[in-house]
Every structure is written in structure tokens, then in C-alpha cells.
């Protein structure tokens, strides 16, 4: 597993120069699925096979096994299936289709993950802002006992809230690693509405802005048309 982009490209080029016909390269990272299609085509004349394996499970996969979404030639998948079976939990791997299919399914998986995480974050912010003295970790635990919103992400939320109930040791700055953007781009290409995933991606962008220009523009416009008061920045401001 190598970071997507140039590190993966360089690694595949280096490996290809060392491999012989009928050898296999497996990309288990988060590459863009269109890159998989191109790479498989470039390796084919040399007789080198290529599988794209979308891998989910995070740092916990080492203990619990990895969920594997596999794309490429089916005979090559079948040849390496014992390895996938070893890495995955029961029913935790599957052949998705031709080159690119594994990483395409993983891309959509991560887009869904963005939306789920954003929904949990917004819900817990409402609980945090309520007038009640709520134990958020206890609520996360409760919701995992038969609730329709139970999930592994909620288990992780409980762990985080038990360690730091107000999350005071964490800055609300959220990166994105590419798959969410690619999912939104795919939705645009296919004219498929995906507002929840798109807004969750934009929410991550917003988390990186301390005092965004857009908000200052909104404040200026409200002041200009309605005389609404402004909060000044700098000395004397809040």
C-alpha cells in the first residue's frame, strides 16, 4: 500500500522493471480507478498482471481483518484468492469486476463514509450545544445497542468522547485524502445528484478556514442592505 499519485506511479514503474511475464502487481492503496485502467493497459504488453484492491478497515484491520474490493482479471483474482482470504474476515473480500472496479467501489465507499461522518458530527454538535447535561460517550454507547444508527464509526466516536468528553484537545481541522473529491467528480460526470457527499466534502474545506472571506462578504452585504450590525476584526473587535 503506497499513497496515491506519484508515489504509486514510481513504485509500479520500479516494480515493472524487475518483474517477469505472468507476475502480478497489486495496488492496495486508494488510487483513482481511471489510473488503474491505464496502468493495466501499460503493463499488459509486458505480460505483467495488475489488480486494484480497495482496502478498508483502517488501523484496526491488522486485528480484525481488511475488507477487500478487488478489480482486474478474474483468473488472476482466483489465483491470488488464498492471500485475500487470509487478509480478510469471513465474507470480507469480493471480486468487483475488471480493471478499476475495485478502486471504483472503494471510492464510492469513502464518499459514503464522508457523509456518515458528517451526519454523526452534526448530530453530536447539537447534543453538545443542548441545555441538557448530556453524557455524549454514554449516548454513543447506547445508540450502538440495537439502534438503527449503530455502526463501527459510532464505536470510535464513543472511544474519542470517553478519552476527551468535550474534544478540547482536538482542533477542528479536517483533511480529505482524495476519494471524496473523486466521488463528487464522478457524480458530476454521470449527472447523479449526491448532495450529502458533496456537502460533507465542502464541510471539510470549511474546517480549514479560520475567518473565511465568504462570511465577511455575507456580513458586509447584510449590513449594506439592512443596516445589520457588523463585528469588527482586529483591535477593538470581538
Foldseek 3Di string as FASTA:
>chain_A
DFAEDPRVVVVVVVVLVVDAAPAEDEAAYQYQQVVQVVVQVVSVVRNYFYKYWDWDDPPNLVPAAIQIEIAADVVVCVVCVVVNPVRHDVVRYDYQYHRSRNSVVNLVVVLVVLLLVVVVVVVVVVVVPDPDPDQQLVVLVVCLPPHPSHDVVSVVVSVCCVVPVVVPVDQQAADDRPSLVVVVVVCVVVVNDDVSSVVSVVVNVVSNDDCDPVVVVVQVVCCVPPVDDDADDDPPGD
